[in-house]
Amino acid sequence: MDIANLRRDYTRASLDVADVDADPLRQFDRWLHEAVEAQVPEPTAMTLATVDAAGQPSARIVLLKGAGPDGFTLFTNYLSRKGHELAENPRAALLFHWVELERQVRIEGFIERLSDAESDAYFRQRPLGSRIGAWASPQSEVIASRDALEQRFEEATRTHGDEPERPGHWGGYRLVPQAFEFWQGRSSRLHDRLRYLRAGGPGWRLDRLAP
């Protein structure tokens, strides 16, 4: 297969400074709403990129669980690889790719942990199997087999019952944004890229970037 010649042209839409909100959080909310309305698969799926203390980057897909004036929230095991990396270097980047809309959003900022109360409140909303799974899975650790994992799940089910408490090693993070980039695919790879940077205080500076 000749992957070098796999390509498509982007002709769906355009993006100009006059088209966007002065507040990138409101602009993100607008685009997320449009992705949901367009029935994009997994519209809240995002790549989370982290860097460890030695400068080694890593990335994985996670789900956005909240977006507002304070930032973007996600939940995970604090003892996972991403948890260790966020403890060592509390800066991260998010990437949303809504391919059906020919759009991307990049967000960069610093990370803070959510309060126990916020993590408890979200944990109680999760399906029971997911709550048991938070106890059963030693995320990112080497395990002997799938059977061993399923045995841990059965043991956690017996131990914690129908109302498991949130494990202390599991909870939420908030990414507090310092930069946004909204990307709209265009023909001939002349894509539209608009970047917001913190301008000091509550405001944002908006620039167009070359594709």
N, C-alpha and C. Protein backbone atom coordinates (compact mmCIF):
# COMPACT_ATOMS: atom_id res chain seq x y z
N MET A 1 0.84 -1.20 0.00
CA MET A 1 0.00 0.00 0.00
C MET A 1 0.87 1.24 0.00
N ASP A 2 0.58 2.17 -0.88
CA ASP A 2 1.35 3.40 -1.00
C ASP A 2 0.74 4.48 -0.11
N ILE A 3 1.13 4.48 1.15
CA ILE A 3 0.50 5.42 2.08
C ILE A 3 0.92 6.87 1.81
N ALA A 4 2.06 7.07 1.13
CA ALA A 4 2.50 8.44 0.84
C ALA A 4 1.50 9.18 -0.04
N ASN A 5 0.71 8.45 -0.80
CA ASN A 5 -0.25 9.09 -1.70
C ASN A 5 -1.69 8.98 -1.22
N LEU A 6 -1.87 8.64 0.04
CA LEU A 6 -3.21 8.67 0.62
C LEU A 6 -3.47 10.08 1.13
N ARG A 7 -4.42 10.76 0.53
CA ARG A 7 -4.71 12.14 0.93
C ARG A 7 -6.12 12.50 0.50
N ARG A 8 -6.63 13.57 1.12
CA ARG A 8 -7.91 14.14 0.70
C ARG A 8 -7.80 15.65 0.77
N ASP A 9 -8.59 16.32 -0.02
CA ASP A 9 -8.61 17.77 0.02
C ASP A 9 -9.73 18.20 0.97
N TYR A 10 -9.54 19.32 1.65
CA TYR A 10 -10.51 19.81 2.61
C TYR A 10 -11.24 21.01 2.04
N THR A 11 -12.54 20.89 1.90
CA THR A 11 -13.31 21.95 1.23
C THR A 11 -14.59 22.30 1.98
N ARG A 12 -14.75 21.80 3.19
CA ARG A 12 -16.03 21.91 3.87
C ARG A 12 -16.34 23.33 4.35
N ALA A 13 -15.33 24.04 4.89
CA ALA A 13 -15.60 25.33 5.53
C ALA A 13 -14.33 26.17 5.56
N SER A 14 -14.48 27.39 6.07
CA SER A 14 -13.36 28.30 6.25
C SER A 14 -13.44 28.87 7.66
N LEU A 15 -12.38 29.58 8.05
CA LEU A 15 -12.34 30.15 9.40
C LEU A 15 -11.56 31.46 9.35
N ASP A 16 -12.19 32.52 9.82
CA ASP A 16 -11.55 33.83 9.83
C ASP A 16 -11.71 34.46 11.20
N VAL A 17 -10.88 35.45 11.48
CA VAL A 17 -10.95 36.15 12.76
C VAL A 17 -12.36 36.68 13.01
N ALA A 18 -13.02 37.14 11.96
CA ALA A 18 -14.37 37.68 12.12
C ALA A 18 -15.39 36.61 12.47
N ASP A 19 -15.02 35.31 12.28
CA ASP A 19 -15.97 34.23 12.52
C ASP A 19 -15.98 33.74 13.97
N VAL A 20 -14.97 34.09 14.75
CA VAL A 20 -14.78 33.42 16.04
C VAL A 20 -15.08 34.37 17.20
N ASP A 21 -15.36 33.75 18.35
CA ASP A 21 -15.61 34.50 19.57
C ASP A 21 -14.30 35.04 20.13
N ALA A 22 -14.36 36.18 20.78
CA ALA A 22 -13.16 36.74 21.41
C ALA A 22 -12.67 35.88 22.56
N ASP A 23 -13.54 35.06 23.11
CA ASP A 23 -13.19 34.16 24.21
C ASP A 23 -13.02 32.76 23.64
N PRO A 24 -11.82 32.16 23.71
CA PRO A 24 -11.62 30.84 23.12
C PRO A 24 -12.43 29.74 23.81
N LEU A 25 -12.78 29.92 25.07
CA LEU A 25 -13.61 28.92 25.74
C LEU A 25 -15.00 28.89 25.14
N ARG A 26 -15.55 30.05 24.82
CA ARG A 26 -16.85 30.09 24.17
C ARG A 26 -16.76 29.55 22.73
N GLN A 27 -15.64 29.85 22.07
CA GLN A 27 -15.45 29.31 20.73
C GLN A 27 -15.34 27.79 20.76
N PHE A 28 -14.62 27.26 21.75
CA PHE A 28 -14.54 25.81 21.87
C PHE A 28 -15.91 25.21 22.12
N ASP A 29 -16.68 25.83 23.00
CA ASP A 29 -18.02 25.32 23.30
C ASP A 29 -18.88 25.30 22.03
N ARG A 30 -18.73 26.32 21.20
CA ARG A 30 -19.49 26.37 19.95
C ARG A 30 -19.10 25.21 19.04
N TRP A 31 -17.79 24.98 18.89
CA TRP A 31 -17.35 23.89 18.01
C TRP A 31 -17.71 22.52 18.58
N LEU A 32 -17.61 22.34 19.88
CA LEU A 32 -17.99 21.07 20.48
C LEU A 32 -19.47 20.81 20.26
N HIS A 33 -20.29 21.84 20.45
CA HIS A 33 -21.73 21.69 20.22
C HIS A 33 -22.00 21.30 18.77
N GLU A 34 -21.29 21.90 17.83
CA GLU A 34 -21.48 21.55 16.42
C GLU A 34 -21.03 20.12 16.14
N ALA A 35 -19.97 19.65 16.81
CA ALA A 35 -19.53 18.26 16.64
C ALA A 35 -20.58 17.29 17.16
N VAL A 36 -21.18 17.63 18.30
CA VAL A 36 -22.25 16.78 18.86
C VAL A 36 -23.45 16.78 17.93
N GLU A 37 -23.84 17.96 17.46
CA GLU A 37 -25.00 18.06 16.56
C GLU A 37 -24.76 17.30 15.26
N ALA A 38 -23.52 17.26 14.80
CA ALA A 38 -23.18 16.54 13.57
C ALA A 38 -23.03 15.04 13.80
N GLN A 39 -23.21 14.60 15.04
CA GLN A 39 -23.10 13.19 15.41
C GLN A 39 -21.72 12.62 15.07
N VAL A 40 -20.69 13.45 15.30
CA VAL A 40 -19.32 12.97 15.17
C VAL A 40 -19.11 11.87 16.20
N PRO A 41 -18.52 10.73 15.82
CA PRO A 41 -18.26 9.68 16.81
C PRO A 41 -17.32 10.19 17.91
N GLU A 42 -17.68 9.91 19.15
CA GLU A 42 -16.85 10.29 20.31
C GLU A 42 -16.40 11.75 20.24
N PRO A 43 -17.32 12.70 20.24
CA PRO A 43 -16.92 14.11 20.10
C PRO A 43 -16.08 14.62 21.27
N THR A 44 -16.16 13.97 22.43
CA THR A 44 -15.36 14.41 23.59
C THR A 44 -14.04 13.66 23.72
N ALA A 45 -13.72 12.80 22.76
CA ALA A 45 -12.43 12.11 22.78
C ALA A 45 -11.32 13.10 22.44
N MET A 46 -10.24 13.05 23.19
CA MET A 46 -9.14 13.99 22.96
C MET A 46 -7.82 13.29 23.25
N THR A 47 -6.79 13.70 22.55
CA THR A 47 -5.44 13.24 22.85
C THR A 47 -4.89 14.08 24.00
N LEU A 48 -4.39 13.41 25.02
CA LEU A 48 -3.71 14.07 26.13
C LEU A 48 -2.22 13.78 26.01
N ALA A 49 -1.41 14.81 25.83
CA ALA A 49 0.03 14.67 25.72
C ALA A 49 0.69 15.16 27.00
N THR A 50 1.59 14.35 27.53
CA THR A 50 2.33 14.68 28.75
C THR A 50 3.82 14.45 28.51
N VAL A 51 4.63 14.95 29.42
CA VAL A 51 6.09 14.81 29.32
C VAL A 51 6.62 14.46 30.70
N ASP A 52 7.52 13.46 30.75
CA ASP A 52 8.07 13.06 32.05
C ASP A 52 9.25 13.95 32.44
N ALA A 53 9.84 13.66 33.59
CA ALA A 53 10.92 14.50 34.10
C ALA A 53 12.16 14.47 33.21
N ALA A 54 12.32 13.40 32.42
CA ALA A 54 13.46 13.29 31.52
C ALA A 54 13.19 13.90 30.16
N GLY A 55 12.00 14.44 29.95
CA GLY A 55 11.66 15.06 28.68
C GLY A 55 11.05 14.11 27.66
N GLN A 56 10.72 12.88 28.07
CA GLN A 56 10.12 11.92 27.15
C GLN A 56 8.62 12.18 27.03
N PRO A 57 8.13 12.50 25.84
CA PRO A 57 6.69 12.74 25.69
C PRO A 57 5.92 11.43 25.53
N SER A 58 4.65 11.47 25.86
CA SER A 58 3.74 10.35 25.59
C SER A 58 2.35 10.92 25.37
N ALA A 59 1.52 10.17 24.66
CA ALA A 59 0.18 10.65 24.34
C ALA A 59 -0.78 9.48 24.33
N ARG A 60 -2.04 9.77 24.65
CA ARG A 60 -3.09 8.75 24.66
C ARG A 60 -4.44 9.45 24.52
N ILE A 61 -5.45 8.67 24.12
CA ILE A 61 -6.80 9.21 24.00
C ILE A 61 -7.51 9.07 25.33
N VAL A 62 -8.12 10.16 25.80
CA VAL A 62 -8.95 10.16 27.00
C VAL A 62 -10.24 10.91 26.66
N LEU A 63 -11.17 10.95 27.60
CA LEU A 63 -12.45 11.62 27.37
C LEU A 63 -12.55 12.90 28.20
N LEU A 64 -12.97 13.96 27.55
CA LEU A 64 -13.26 15.21 28.25
C LEU A 64 -14.51 15.03 29.10
N LYS A 65 -14.45 15.45 30.36
CA LYS A 65 -15.60 15.31 31.25
C LYS A 65 -16.14 16.64 31.74
N GLY A 66 -15.54 17.72 31.34
CA GLY A 66 -16.06 19.03 31.70
C GLY A 66 -15.24 20.12 31.04
N ALA A 67 -15.90 21.21 30.64
CA ALA A 67 -15.22 22.35 30.04
C ALA A 67 -15.94 23.61 30.49
N GLY A 68 -15.18 24.55 31.04
CA GLY A 68 -15.79 25.77 31.53
C GLY A 68 -14.75 26.83 31.78
N PRO A 69 -15.11 27.91 32.44
CA PRO A 69 -14.18 29.01 32.66
C PRO A 69 -12.91 28.61 33.40
N ASP A 70 -13.00 27.56 34.24
CA ASP A 70 -11.82 27.13 34.99
C ASP A 70 -10.90 26.23 34.19
N GLY A 71 -11.39 25.63 33.11
CA GLY A 71 -10.55 24.76 32.32
C GLY A 71 -11.26 23.49 31.89
N PHE A 72 -10.46 22.47 31.57
CA PHE A 72 -10.93 21.23 30.97
C PHE A 72 -10.62 20.07 31.92
N THR A 73 -11.62 19.25 32.23
CA THR A 73 -11.45 18.21 33.23
C THR A 73 -11.45 16.81 32.62
N LEU A 74 -10.67 15.94 33.24
CA LEU A 74 -10.59 14.53 32.89
C LEU A 74 -10.31 13.76 34.17
N PHE A 75 -10.53 12.45 34.11
CA PHE A 75 -10.36 11.60 35.29
C PHE A 75 -9.53 10.39 34.92
N THR A 76 -8.72 9.93 35.89
CA THR A 76 -7.84 8.80 35.62
C THR A 76 -7.27 8.26 36.93
N ASN A 77 -6.44 7.24 36.78
CA ASN A 77 -5.70 6.67 37.91
C ASN A 77 -4.45 7.52 38.14
N TYR A 78 -4.30 8.06 39.34
CA TYR A 78 -3.14 8.90 39.64
C TYR A 78 -1.82 8.13 39.55
N LEU A 79 -1.88 6.80 39.65
CA LEU A 79 -0.67 5.98 39.63
C LEU A 79 -0.34 5.46 38.24
N SER A 80 -1.13 5.85 37.24
CA SER A 80 -0.86 5.45 35.87
C SER A 80 0.36 6.22 35.34
N ARG A 81 0.77 5.87 34.13
CA ARG A 81 1.90 6.59 33.54
C ARG A 81 1.60 8.07 33.42
N LYS A 82 0.41 8.42 32.92
CA LYS A 82 0.11 9.84 32.79
C LYS A 82 0.03 10.52 34.14
N GLY A 83 -0.46 9.79 35.16
CA GLY A 83 -0.50 10.36 36.50
C GLY A 83 0.88 10.68 37.03
N HIS A 84 1.82 9.75 36.83
CA HIS A 84 3.20 10.00 37.27
C HIS A 84 3.81 11.17 36.50
N GLU A 85 3.56 11.21 35.19
CA GLU A 85 4.14 12.29 34.39
C GLU A 85 3.56 13.65 34.75
N LEU A 86 2.27 13.70 35.05
CA LEU A 86 1.67 14.97 35.45
C LEU A 86 2.17 15.42 36.82
N ALA A 87 2.52 14.45 37.68
CA ALA A 87 3.11 14.82 38.97
C ALA A 87 4.52 15.37 38.79
N GLU A 88 5.26 14.82 37.84
CA GLU A 88 6.63 15.27 37.59
C GLU A 88 6.68 16.58 36.81
N ASN A 89 5.74 16.76 35.90
CA ASN A 89 5.73 17.94 35.04
C ASN A 89 4.27 18.33 34.80
N PRO A 90 3.73 19.22 35.61
CA PRO A 90 2.29 19.52 35.55
C PRO A 90 1.91 20.47 34.42
N ARG A 91 2.37 20.15 33.22
CA ARG A 91 1.95 20.85 32.01
C ARG A 91 1.54 19.81 31.00
N ALA A 92 0.56 20.14 30.15
CA ALA A 92 0.05 19.14 29.22
C ALA A 92 -0.58 19.85 28.03
N ALA A 93 -0.91 19.04 27.01
CA ALA A 93 -1.60 19.53 25.82
C ALA A 93 -2.74 18.59 25.49
N LEU A 94 -3.81 19.17 24.96
CA LEU A 94 -4.97 18.42 24.50
C LEU A 94 -5.14 18.64 23.00
N LEU A 95 -5.65 17.62 22.32
CA LEU A 95 -5.95 17.74 20.90
C LEU A 95 -7.27 17.06 20.59
N PHE A 96 -8.20 17.82 20.06
CA PHE A 96 -9.45 17.29 19.54
C PHE A 96 -9.36 17.25 18.02
N HIS A 97 -9.77 16.13 17.42
CA HIS A 97 -9.77 16.02 15.96
C HIS A 97 -11.14 15.52 15.53
N TRP A 98 -11.92 16.41 14.97
CA TRP A 98 -13.25 16.08 14.46
C TRP A 98 -13.14 15.96 12.94
N VAL A 99 -12.70 14.79 12.50
CA VAL A 99 -12.32 14.61 11.10
C VAL A 99 -13.50 14.86 10.17
N GLU A 100 -14.72 14.50 10.60
CA GLU A 100 -15.89 14.69 9.74
C GLU A 100 -16.15 16.17 9.47
N LEU A 101 -15.75 17.04 10.39
CA LEU A 101 -15.91 18.48 10.21
C LEU A 101 -14.64 19.15 9.70
N GLU A 102 -13.59 18.34 9.49
CA GLU A 102 -12.29 18.84 9.02
C GLU A 102 -11.75 19.90 9.98
N ARG A 103 -11.83 19.58 11.28
CA ARG A 103 -11.42 20.53 12.31
C ARG A 103 -10.52 19.88 13.35
N GLN A 104 -9.64 20.69 13.89
CA GLN A 104 -8.86 20.33 15.08
C GLN A 104 -8.89 21.49 16.06
N VAL A 105 -8.75 21.16 17.34
CA VAL A 105 -8.52 22.17 18.37
C VAL A 105 -7.35 21.69 19.23
N ARG A 106 -6.36 22.54 19.37
CA ARG A 106 -5.21 22.27 20.24
C ARG A 106 -5.30 23.20 21.45
N ILE A 107 -5.02 22.65 22.63
CA ILE A 107 -5.10 23.42 23.87
C ILE A 107 -3.87 23.08 24.70
N GLU A 108 -3.17 24.08 25.19
CA GLU A 108 -1.99 23.88 26.03
C GLU A 108 -2.17 24.63 27.34
N GLY A 109 -1.66 24.06 28.42
CA GLY A 109 -1.78 24.73 29.71
C GLY A 109 -1.14 23.95 30.82
N PHE A 110 -1.45 24.36 32.04
CA PHE A 110 -0.91 23.66 33.20
C PHE A 110 -2.01 22.87 33.89
N ILE A 111 -1.59 21.89 34.66
CA ILE A 111 -2.49 20.90 35.24
C ILE A 111 -2.59 21.11 36.75
N GLU A 112 -3.81 20.98 37.25
CA GLU A 112 -4.03 20.95 38.70
C GLU A 112 -5.01 19.82 39.01
N ARG A 113 -4.87 19.25 40.20
CA ARG A 113 -5.79 18.21 40.61
C ARG A 113 -7.12 18.81 41.04
N LEU A 114 -8.18 18.09 40.76
CA LEU A 114 -9.48 18.47 41.28
C LEU A 114 -9.55 18.17 42.78
N SER A 115 -10.45 18.81 43.47
CA SER A 115 -10.65 18.53 44.89
C SER A 115 -11.23 17.13 45.06
N ASP A 116 -11.09 16.58 46.27
CA ASP A 116 -11.69 15.28 46.57
C ASP A 116 -13.19 15.32 46.36
N ALA A 117 -13.82 16.42 46.72
CA ALA A 117 -15.27 16.51 46.56
C ALA A 117 -15.67 16.45 45.10
N GLU A 118 -14.92 17.12 44.22
CA GLU A 118 -15.23 17.07 42.79
C GLU A 118 -15.03 15.67 42.24
N SER A 119 -13.94 15.01 42.64
CA SER A 119 -13.68 13.65 42.16
C SER A 119 -14.73 12.67 42.70
N ASP A 120 -15.11 12.83 43.96
CA ASP A 120 -16.16 11.97 44.54
C ASP A 120 -17.47 12.13 43.78
N ALA A 121 -17.83 13.36 43.47
CA ALA A 121 -19.10 13.62 42.80
C ALA A 121 -19.14 12.96 41.42
N TYR A 122 -18.04 13.06 40.67
CA TYR A 122 -18.02 12.43 39.36
C TYR A 122 -17.99 10.90 39.49
N PHE A 123 -17.22 10.38 40.44
CA PHE A 123 -17.11 8.93 40.59
C PHE A 123 -18.47 8.31 40.84
N ARG A 124 -19.30 8.97 41.62
CA ARG A 124 -20.64 8.43 41.92
C ARG A 124 -21.52 8.37 40.67
N GLN A 125 -21.22 9.17 39.65
CA GLN A 125 -22.02 9.17 38.43
C GLN A 125 -21.63 8.05 37.47
N ARG A 126 -20.48 7.43 37.67
CA ARG A 126 -19.98 6.44 36.72
C ARG A 126 -20.79 5.14 36.80
N PRO A 127 -20.87 4.38 35.72
CA PRO A 127 -21.49 3.06 35.79
C PRO A 127 -20.78 2.19 36.82
N LEU A 128 -21.53 1.29 37.42
CA LEU A 128 -20.95 0.45 38.48
C LEU A 128 -19.72 -0.29 38.00
N GLY A 129 -19.76 -0.85 36.79
CA GLY A 129 -18.61 -1.59 36.29
C GLY A 129 -17.36 -0.73 36.20
N SER A 130 -17.53 0.53 35.82
CA SER A 130 -16.38 1.44 35.74
C SER A 130 -15.83 1.76 37.13
N ARG A 131 -16.73 1.88 38.11
CA ARG A 131 -16.27 2.14 39.48
C ARG A 131 -15.51 0.94 40.04
N ILE A 132 -16.01 -0.26 39.77
CA ILE A 132 -15.28 -1.47 40.20
C ILE A 132 -13.94 -1.56 39.47
N GLY A 133 -13.96 -1.23 38.17
CA GLY A 133 -12.73 -1.28 37.40
C GLY A 133 -11.64 -0.37 37.93
N ALA A 134 -12.03 0.77 38.52
CA ALA A 134 -11.04 1.68 39.09
C ALA A 134 -10.29 1.03 40.25
N TRP A 135 -10.97 0.13 40.97
CA TRP A 135 -10.32 -0.64 42.04
C TRP A 135 -9.51 -1.81 41.48
N ALA A 136 -10.01 -2.42 40.40
CA ALA A 136 -9.42 -3.67 39.93
C ALA A 136 -8.16 -3.49 39.10
N SER A 137 -8.08 -2.40 38.34
CA SER A 137 -6.98 -2.26 37.38
C SER A 137 -5.81 -1.47 37.94
N PRO A 138 -4.62 -2.08 38.04
CA PRO A 138 -3.41 -1.34 38.41
C PRO A 138 -2.85 -0.66 37.15
N GLN A 139 -3.49 0.39 36.73
CA GLN A 139 -3.28 0.97 35.41
C GLN A 139 -1.82 1.23 35.10
N SER A 140 -1.41 0.81 33.90
CA SER A 140 -0.07 0.98 33.34
C SER A 140 0.95 -0.02 33.89
N GLU A 141 0.58 -0.83 34.87
CA GLU A 141 1.50 -1.84 35.38
C GLU A 141 1.44 -3.10 34.52
N VAL A 142 2.54 -3.87 34.52
CA VAL A 142 2.55 -5.16 33.84
C VAL A 142 1.66 -6.13 34.61
N ILE A 143 0.80 -6.85 33.88
CA ILE A 143 -0.04 -7.87 34.50
C ILE A 143 0.20 -9.22 33.83
N ALA A 144 -0.11 -10.29 34.54
CA ALA A 144 0.21 -11.63 34.05
C ALA A 144 -0.63 -12.04 32.85
N SER A 145 -1.91 -11.68 32.85
CA SER A 145 -2.80 -12.14 31.79
C SER A 145 -4.14 -11.43 31.89
N ARG A 146 -4.96 -11.59 30.85
CA ARG A 146 -6.33 -11.08 30.90
C ARG A 146 -7.11 -11.78 32.00
N ASP A 147 -6.87 -13.08 32.16
CA ASP A 147 -7.57 -13.83 33.21
C ASP A 147 -7.27 -13.25 34.58
N ALA A 148 -6.02 -12.85 34.79
CA ALA A 148 -5.64 -12.27 36.09
C ALA A 148 -6.38 -10.96 36.33
N LEU A 149 -6.53 -10.16 35.28
CA LEU A 149 -7.26 -8.90 35.41
C LEU A 149 -8.73 -9.15 35.74
N GLU A 150 -9.34 -10.11 35.05
CA GLU A 150 -10.74 -10.40 35.31
C GLU A 150 -10.95 -10.98 36.70
N GLN A 151 -9.96 -11.72 37.20
CA GLN A 151 -10.05 -12.22 38.57
C GLN A 151 -9.99 -11.07 39.56
N ARG A 152 -9.14 -10.09 39.30
CA ARG A 152 -9.09 -8.91 40.17
C ARG A 152 -10.43 -8.18 40.16
N PHE A 153 -11.07 -8.14 38.99
CA PHE A 153 -12.38 -7.47 38.89
C PHE A 153 -13.41 -8.22 39.73
N GLU A 154 -13.41 -9.54 39.65
CA GLU A 154 -14.37 -10.33 40.43
C GLU A 154 -14.13 -10.14 41.92
N GLU A 155 -12.85 -10.10 42.33
CA GLU A 155 -12.53 -9.90 43.74
C GLU A 155 -12.97 -8.51 44.21
N ALA A 156 -12.76 -7.50 43.37
CA ALA A 156 -13.16 -6.14 43.72
C ALA A 156 -14.68 -6.03 43.81
N THR A 157 -15.39 -6.76 42.95
CA THR A 157 -16.85 -6.76 42.99
C THR A 157 -17.35 -7.33 44.32
N ARG A 158 -16.74 -8.43 44.75
CA ARG A 158 -17.13 -9.04 46.03
C ARG A 158 -16.78 -8.12 47.21
N THR A 159 -15.64 -7.46 47.12
CA THR A 159 -15.17 -6.64 48.23
C THR A 159 -15.96 -5.34 48.37
N HIS A 160 -16.27 -4.69 47.25
CA HIS A 160 -16.82 -3.33 47.30
C HIS A 160 -18.32 -3.26 47.04
N GLY A 161 -18.91 -4.34 46.53
CA GLY A 161 -20.36 -4.38 46.39
C GLY A 161 -20.91 -3.39 45.39
N ASP A 162 -22.14 -2.94 45.65
CA ASP A 162 -22.85 -2.10 44.69
C ASP A 162 -22.61 -0.60 44.87
N GLU A 163 -21.93 -0.21 45.94
CA GLU A 163 -21.68 1.21 46.20
C GLU A 163 -20.22 1.44 46.56
N PRO A 164 -19.31 1.14 45.63
CA PRO A 164 -17.89 1.30 45.95
C PRO A 164 -17.52 2.77 46.17
N GLU A 165 -16.69 3.02 47.15
CA GLU A 165 -16.15 4.36 47.36
C GLU A 165 -15.06 4.64 46.32
N ARG A 166 -14.80 5.88 46.08
CA ARG A 166 -13.72 6.24 45.14
C ARG A 166 -12.37 5.84 45.73
N PRO A 167 -11.54 5.10 44.95
CA PRO A 167 -10.19 4.80 45.45
C PRO A 167 -9.37 6.08 45.62
N GLY A 168 -8.51 6.10 46.60
CA GLY A 168 -7.67 7.27 46.81
C GLY A 168 -6.71 7.54 45.67
N HIS A 169 -6.43 6.50 44.86
CA HIS A 169 -5.49 6.66 43.76
C HIS A 169 -6.18 7.06 42.45
N TRP A 170 -7.44 7.41 42.52
CA TRP A 170 -8.21 7.72 41.30
C TRP A 170 -8.91 9.06 41.49
N GLY A 171 -8.87 9.90 40.46
CA GLY A 171 -9.55 11.19 40.57
C GLY A 171 -9.35 12.06 39.35
N GLY A 172 -9.61 13.33 39.51
CA GLY A 172 -9.66 14.23 38.37
C GLY A 172 -8.52 15.22 38.30
N TYR A 173 -8.31 15.70 37.08
CA TYR A 173 -7.38 16.78 36.79
C TYR A 173 -8.12 17.86 36.02
N ARG A 174 -7.60 19.06 36.14
CA ARG A 174 -8.09 20.18 35.33
C ARG A 174 -6.91 20.77 34.56
N LEU A 175 -7.06 20.90 33.24
CA LEU A 175 -6.07 21.64 32.47
C LEU A 175 -6.54 23.09 32.37
N VAL A 176 -5.72 23.99 32.89
CA VAL A 176 -6.01 25.43 32.85
C VAL A 176 -5.34 25.99 31.61
N PRO A 177 -6.10 26.39 30.60
CA PRO A 177 -5.50 26.71 29.30
C PRO A 177 -4.73 28.03 29.29
N GLN A 178 -3.61 27.98 28.55
CA GLN A 178 -2.82 29.17 28.29
C GLN A 178 -2.74 29.48 26.80
N ALA A 179 -3.10 28.51 25.97
CA ALA A 179 -3.08 28.71 24.52
C ALA A 179 -4.11 27.79 23.87
N PHE A 180 -4.76 28.29 22.83
CA PHE A 180 -5.68 27.52 22.00
C PHE A 180 -5.28 27.70 20.54
N GLU A 181 -5.51 26.68 19.74
CA GLU A 181 -5.44 26.84 18.29
C GLU A 181 -6.64 26.15 17.65
N PHE A 182 -7.38 26.90 16.86
CA PHE A 182 -8.51 26.35 16.11
C PHE A 182 -8.07 26.20 14.66
N TRP A 183 -8.23 24.99 14.15
CA TRP A 183 -7.73 24.62 12.81
C TRP A 183 -8.90 24.16 11.96
N GLN A 184 -9.05 24.78 10.80
CA GLN A 184 -10.07 24.36 9.84
C GLN A 184 -9.37 23.95 8.56
N GLY A 185 -9.58 22.71 8.12
CA GLY A 185 -8.95 22.25 6.90
C GLY A 185 -9.42 23.04 5.69
N ARG A 186 -8.47 23.33 4.79
CA ARG A 186 -8.78 24.07 3.55
C ARG A 186 -8.11 23.39 2.37
N SER A 187 -8.54 23.77 1.20
CA SER A 187 -8.01 23.19 -0.03
C SER A 187 -6.53 23.51 -0.20
N SER A 188 -5.81 22.62 -0.88
CA SER A 188 -4.39 22.78 -1.21
C SER A 188 -3.50 22.91 0.02
N ARG A 189 -3.99 22.41 1.14
CA ARG A 189 -3.26 22.45 2.42
C ARG A 189 -3.04 23.87 2.93
N LEU A 190 -3.83 24.82 2.43
CA LEU A 190 -3.76 26.20 2.94
C LEU A 190 -4.78 26.35 4.06
N HIS A 191 -4.55 25.59 5.13
CA HIS A 191 -5.51 25.51 6.22
C HIS A 191 -5.61 26.84 6.98
N ASP A 192 -6.77 27.05 7.59
CA ASP A 192 -6.96 28.20 8.47
C ASP A 192 -6.56 27.82 9.89
N ARG A 193 -5.69 28.63 10.51
CA ARG A 193 -5.23 28.39 11.88
C ARG A 193 -5.33 29.69 12.67
N LEU A 194 -6.15 29.69 13.71
CA LEU A 194 -6.28 30.85 14.58
C LEU A 194 -5.83 30.46 15.98
N ARG A 195 -4.89 31.24 16.51
CA ARG A 195 -4.31 30.95 17.83
C ARG A 195 -4.65 32.04 18.83
N TYR A 196 -5.09 31.60 20.01
CA TYR A 196 -5.32 32.49 21.15
C TYR A 196 -4.19 32.26 22.17
N LEU A 197 -3.60 33.35 22.66
CA LEU A 197 -2.62 33.29 23.73
C LEU A 197 -3.06 34.19 24.87
N ARG A 198 -2.79 33.76 26.10
CA ARG A 198 -3.06 34.62 27.24
C ARG A 198 -2.32 35.95 27.06
N ALA A 199 -3.04 37.04 27.22
CA ALA A 199 -2.46 38.36 26.99
C ALA A 199 -2.10 39.07 28.28
N GLY A 200 -2.16 38.35 29.40
CA GLY A 200 -1.98 38.99 30.70
C GLY A 200 -3.32 39.40 31.23
N GLY A 201 -3.64 38.96 32.44
CA GLY A 201 -4.97 39.23 32.95
C GLY A 201 -5.98 38.30 32.31
N PRO A 202 -7.23 38.73 32.20
CA PRO A 202 -8.27 37.83 31.69
C PRO A 202 -8.36 37.77 30.17
N GLY A 203 -7.63 38.64 29.47
CA GLY A 203 -7.80 38.73 28.03
C GLY A 203 -6.97 37.73 27.24
N TRP A 204 -7.26 37.66 25.93
CA TRP A 204 -6.57 36.76 25.01
C TRP A 204 -6.14 37.55 23.77
N ARG A 205 -4.97 37.21 23.23
CA ARG A 205 -4.52 37.76 21.96
C ARG A 205 -4.82 36.74 20.87
N LEU A 206 -5.38 37.19 19.77
CA LEU A 206 -5.78 36.31 18.68
C LEU A 206 -4.93 36.60 17.46
N ASP A 207 -4.29 35.55 16.91
CA ASP A 207 -3.43 35.68 15.74
C ASP A 207 -3.79 34.61 14.72
N ARG A 208 -3.56 34.92 13.44
CA ARG A 208 -3.64 33.91 12.39
C ARG A 208 -2.24 33.35 12.16
N LEU A 209 -2.14 32.02 12.04
CA LEU A 209 -0.87 31.35 11.78
C LEU A 209 -0.84 30.82 10.37
N ALA A 210 0.35 30.78 9.79
CA ALA A 210 0.52 30.15 8.48
C ALA A 210 0.28 28.65 8.61
N PRO A 211 -0.30 28.04 7.58
CA PRO A 211 -0.57 26.60 7.67
C PRO A 211 0.70 25.76 7.52
